[in-house]
Amino acid sequence: MNPLDPLDALAPLGEATARAWLATAVEEARTGLAGGGIPIGAALYGADGTLLGRGHNRRVQDDDPSVHGETAAFRAAGRQRSYRGTTMVTTLSPCWYCSGLVRQFGISRVVIGEAATFHGGHDWLAAHGVEIVLLDDPECVRMMTDFIEKNPALWNEDIGE
């Protein structure tokens, strides 16, 4: 992000909006869990607040290691002329793969439900000009903590351990 370019300026995101957008990602995470998968959900919002796409981790359901919540939401959004000003909302700190997606396409902001159970690449994103909003949402923490406790092997596979 170039601080001198007014097109790069993001509209401030209030906590109420951030939490409302997170609710979309949480709903996706619950859908993934109900389908036998990993409870990580995401949504991509446009600069004007329009929901562009939403999705959840489908690694287990699709037998495809590349279908993370963020990539599913990104794919559901379809092609955009530009991703400048968009916000990726995710229930969990994005892994390096998803952090790379954010950087590659110039997504301007990432809203994170929690980073207590997994600290992904959000510090790196912040160091490269991406606005990070970490909500420390108790429901997101509880959902992941419960999942990890019940499915340690699957969780370790998901994070590459």
Protein backbone atom coordinates (compact mmCIF):
# COMPACT_ATOMS: atom_id res chain seq x y z
CA MET A 1 0.00 0.00 0.00
CA ASN A 2 1.31 3.42 -0.93
CA PRO A 3 0.36 5.92 1.81
CA LEU A 4 0.49 8.75 -0.74
CA ASP A 5 -2.08 7.15 -3.06
CA PRO A 6 -5.61 8.16 -2.01
CA LEU A 7 -7.01 5.14 -3.87
CA ASP A 8 -5.20 2.91 -1.36
CA ALA A 9 -6.94 4.52 1.62
CA LEU A 10 -9.36 2.16 3.33
CA ALA A 11 -12.56 3.37 4.86
CA PRO A 12 -12.40 2.86 8.62
CA LEU A 13 -13.95 -0.40 9.75
CA GLY A 14 -15.95 -0.15 12.95
CA GLU A 15 -16.04 -3.06 15.38
CA ALA A 16 -19.76 -3.61 14.80
CA THR A 17 -19.18 -4.06 11.05
CA ALA A 18 -16.13 -6.27 11.62
CA ARG A 19 -18.16 -8.53 13.94
CA ALA A 20 -21.13 -8.63 11.55
CA TRP A 21 -18.81 -9.67 8.73
CA LEU A 22 -17.16 -12.23 11.03
CA ALA A 23 -20.60 -13.75 11.64
CA THR A 24 -20.68 -14.71 7.94
CA ALA A 25 -17.33 -16.48 8.29
CA VAL A 26 -18.45 -18.21 11.52
CA GLU A 27 -21.57 -19.48 9.75
CA GLU A 28 -19.32 -20.94 7.04
CA ALA A 29 -17.06 -22.55 9.67
CA ARG A 30 -20.08 -24.21 11.27
CA THR A 31 -21.17 -25.49 7.85
CA GLY A 32 -17.73 -26.99 7.31
CA LEU A 33 -17.75 -28.66 10.71
CA ALA A 34 -21.25 -30.06 10.15
CA GLY A 35 -20.02 -31.55 6.88
CA GLY A 36 -17.20 -33.42 8.61
CA GLY A 37 -14.50 -30.86 7.88
CA ILE A 38 -12.29 -28.35 9.62
CA PRO A 39 -14.23 -25.40 11.09
CA ILE A 40 -12.59 -22.49 9.31
CA GLY A 41 -14.76 -20.06 7.40
CA ALA A 42 -14.10 -16.91 5.42
CA ALA A 43 -15.79 -14.17 3.42
CA LEU A 44 -14.52 -11.54 1.00
CA TYR A 45 -16.15 -8.11 1.16
CA GLY A 46 -15.88 -5.33 -1.39
CA ALA A 47 -14.74 -1.81 -0.62
CA ASP A 48 -18.40 -0.77 -0.50
CA GLY A 49 -19.27 -3.52 2.02
CA THR A 50 -20.85 -5.86 -0.53
CA LEU A 51 -20.36 -9.56 0.18
CA LEU A 52 -18.40 -10.81 -2.84
CA GLY A 53 -17.90 -14.43 -1.81
CA ARG A 54 -17.94 -16.78 1.13
CA GLY A 55 -16.67 -20.26 1.80
CA HIS A 56 -15.20 -22.75 4.24
CA ASN A 57 -12.32 -25.15 4.47
CA ARG A 58 -13.17 -28.19 2.32
CA ARG A 59 -9.87 -30.09 2.49
CA VAL A 60 -11.57 -33.17 3.95
CA GLN A 61 -14.82 -33.03 2.02
CA ASP A 62 -13.16 -32.52 -1.39
CA ASP A 63 -9.96 -34.47 -0.63
CA ASP A 64 -8.17 -31.34 -1.85
CA PRO A 65 -5.48 -29.73 0.34
CA SER A 66 -5.83 -26.39 -1.47
CA VAL A 67 -9.42 -25.63 -0.48
CA HIS A 68 -8.96 -23.45 2.58
CA GLY A 69 -11.69 -21.12 3.84
CA GLU A 70 -10.01 -18.07 2.36
CA THR A 71 -9.40 -19.68 -1.03
CA ALA A 72 -13.01 -20.90 -1.15
CA ALA A 73 -14.31 -17.38 -0.44
CA PHE A 74 -11.90 -15.91 -2.98
CA ARG A 75 -13.00 -18.38 -5.66
CA ALA A 76 -16.68 -17.78 -4.86
CA ALA A 77 -16.14 -14.04 -5.40
CA GLY A 78 -15.18 -14.64 -9.02
CA ARG A 79 -12.93 -12.39 -11.02
CA GLN A 80 -12.65 -8.80 -9.82
CA ARG A 81 -10.99 -6.02 -11.79
CA SER A 82 -9.07 -5.14 -8.65
CA TYR A 83 -8.97 -6.36 -5.08
CA ARG A 84 -7.82 -2.99 -3.74
CA GLY A 85 -10.07 -1.97 -0.88
CA THR A 86 -11.43 -5.48 -0.30
CA THR A 87 -11.50 -7.18 3.09
CA MET A 88 -10.93 -10.88 3.71
CA VAL A 89 -12.67 -12.03 6.87
CA THR A 90 -11.56 -15.32 8.37
CA THR A 91 -12.30 -17.18 11.58
CA LEU A 92 -8.62 -18.12 12.04
CA SER A 93 -5.31 -16.38 11.35
CA PRO A 94 -4.49 -17.13 7.72
CA CYS A 95 -1.81 -19.72 6.99
CA TRP A 96 1.12 -18.84 4.72
CA TYR A 97 -0.74 -20.15 1.68
CA CYS A 98 -3.73 -17.89 2.33
CA SER A 99 -1.51 -15.00 3.39
CA GLY A 100 0.20 -15.32 0.02
CA LEU A 101 -3.17 -15.11 -1.70
CA VAL A 102 -3.93 -11.88 0.16
CA ARG A 103 -0.59 -10.36 -0.91
CA GLN A 104 -0.67 -11.71 -4.47
CA PHE A 105 -4.02 -10.10 -5.23
CA GLY A 106 -3.64 -6.92 -3.15
CA ILE A 107 -6.45 -7.55 -0.67
CA SER A 108 -6.23 -4.50 1.58
CA ARG A 109 -7.51 -5.72 4.93
CA VAL A 110 -7.89 -9.00 6.83
CA VAL A 111 -10.31 -9.37 9.74
CA ILE A 112 -9.31 -12.34 11.91
CA GLY A 113 -11.62 -14.06 14.38
CA GLU A 114 -8.76 -15.51 16.42
CA ALA A 115 -5.05 -16.29 16.42
CA ALA A 116 -4.78 -18.08 19.77
CA THR A 117 -4.98 -21.62 18.36
CA PHE A 118 -2.91 -20.85 15.25
CA HIS A 119 -0.74 -17.82 14.55
CA GLY A 120 -0.45 -17.71 10.77
CA GLY A 121 1.05 -15.06 8.52
CA HIS A 122 -0.85 -12.02 9.69
CA ASP A 123 2.23 -10.29 11.16
CA TRP A 124 3.93 -10.65 7.78
CA LEU A 125 0.86 -9.23 6.07
CA ALA A 126 0.84 -6.25 8.43
CA ALA A 127 4.53 -5.65 7.74
CA HIS A 128 3.64 -5.45 4.05
CA GLY A 129 0.88 -2.87 4.39
CA VAL A 130 -2.20 -5.05 4.87
CA GLU A 131 -4.48 -3.74 7.60
CA ILE A 132 -5.04 -6.46 10.20
CA VAL A 133 -8.04 -6.45 12.55
CA LEU A 134 -7.71 -9.19 15.17
CA LEU A 135 -10.96 -9.64 17.09
CA ASP A 136 -9.99 -12.41 19.58
CA ASP A 137 -13.51 -13.76 19.25
CA PRO A 138 -14.35 -16.27 22.03
CA GLU A 139 -16.65 -18.32 19.79
CA CYS A 140 -13.93 -18.74 17.16
CA VAL A 141 -11.42 -19.78 19.84
CA ARG A 142 -13.86 -22.26 21.36
CA MET A 143 -14.79 -23.77 18.00
CA MET A 144 -11.13 -24.37 17.08
CA THR A 145 -10.08 -25.50 20.56
CA ASP A 146 -12.88 -28.09 20.64
CA PHE A 147 -12.03 -29.27 17.13
CA ILE A 148 -8.29 -29.59 17.84
CA GLU A 149 -8.97 -31.50 21.07
CA LYS A 150 -11.24 -33.99 19.26
CA ASN A 151 -9.24 -34.24 16.01
CA PRO A 152 -5.53 -33.70 16.73
CA ALA A 153 -4.28 -35.82 13.80
CA LEU A 154 -6.51 -34.04 11.29
CA TRP A 155 -5.54 -30.66 12.71
CA ASN A 156 -1.82 -31.47 12.49
CA GLU A 157 -2.32 -32.58 8.89
CA ASP A 158 -4.12 -29.30 8.14
CA ILE A 159 -1.30 -27.16 9.49
CA GLY A 160 1.40 -29.33 7.93
CA GLU A 161 2.83 -30.98 11.03
